Amino acid sequence: MISEGMKALVAGSSVIRAMFEEGKKMAAQYGAENVYDFSLGNPSTPPPVAVKEAIKQVLDEENPNLVHGYMNNSGYEDVRDLIAKSLNKRFDTAFETKNIVMTVGAAGGLNVILKTIINPGDEVMTFAPFFGEYKNYVSNYGAKLVPVPPTRADFQPDAAEFEKYVTPLTKAVIINTPNNPTGVVYTEESIKAVAAVLSRKEAEYGHSIFIISDEPYRELVYGNVEVPYLTKYYKNTVVGYSYSKSLSLPGERIGYLVIPSEVDDFEDMIAAAGVATRILGFVNAPSLIQRAVAKCLDEKTDINVYDENRKLLYNALTEYGFECVKPDGAFYLWVKALEEDDKAFVAKAKELHLLLVPGSSFGGPGYVRIAYCVSKDMIERSLPAFKKLADMYR
């Protein structure tokens, strides 16, 4: 018998994954060309050629015992040093090798830092809508996720509303920008306002409150939009990063945490993060891909493909009468459902072979998420179905 906790998790398993599996069944039934699957944020652009060359170079030129062996739980020192120097060059920071912990993707990094700082009964805040797995990650350590509901049409954080939800039990705030599922990039003004609230609350409650900046989509921004680097705005900030989107490597599970020297109790924090990496069962981040990405720190996947898809889908859907939040980052379009029940709306879309994800899965009922990291051809083929869906509600 599985545990009672897992029974609940299995029953409420990821709607996104369920829709993705449903899409495969429908493709087999109706033909892949007749199913329009916008459910999963799986990069459709290939990794840069440099990644393949880096992997070959590591395998051909480096000592196999080094490449495939154990290392410090926090990762190879030379890899961490290169990442720290790259960040310093890009963001005018002052990180060192000791500030970097290599992780099994952003998800692994989030679990490591939550294991490091959370006590049972703590509260971890985030801004709705949010990546649904946050709730599970936080509950892994006996804490409670507290979403701050959106109060603005642009889905920027509202600092005044945010402050109402901060309590003496608040231990951390997860900030995800560019945001999944909205594609919104939080402005410097929004970040400063949130940081000011937390600084006041730290003083009021007499304990540290951490920002955990979850940044898998940092490199996926369009036009001249800037993504603030949060360690520059609030002392107790930890950054979690992943190469899943920036290098189109989601299956390789590689990323890192940045724990700045300025955070409270830094020496204990960094030691605990290393231990957490080990005892959570990761032991260390994958060795080969650590060494490969270290050679590709200036590489990026081609986001022009996503940008074309973004414009095509946004312009078409707004023309059909859908209310959409124009995304400045990531590869998601956040669209208001044409009825109050977003799950019923998704069911009607499915009748037209459109696979969308209900916003309630992200703590944003009344909306749907459309992942446009798909082929342009599929988007073009799907547009008549979207128009028909809109017409059903006229």
Foldseek 3Di string as FASTA:
>chain_A
DDDPVVVVCVVVDDPLVVLVVVLVVVCVVPNNLQFQEQRDQQFQFAFPPLLVVLLVCCVVPPDPCQLQHADQQQADLVLLQLVQVLCCVVAVDRDGSLQKGKAQFLLRVLLLLLQLFDAAAAEEEEEPLAQLCVQVSNVVRNYGYDYQYDDDPLSADDLVSVLVPDDLRAAEYEYEPVGPPALAAHDPVSLLSNQVSLVVVCVVNVHHYAYEYEYAWQVFFDDPDHHDDNCVRHVRYKYWYGCCAFRVPNVLRITMIGGDPRHPPSVSSSVSSSVSSVVVPVSHRNRSSSSSVSSVVVGGTDNVQLVVLLVVLVVLLVVLPWDWNRHRIRQKIKTFQLDQAQVVSQVVLVVSSYHWAASVSSVDGRIIIGGSSDHPSSVVSCSVSSSVSSVVND
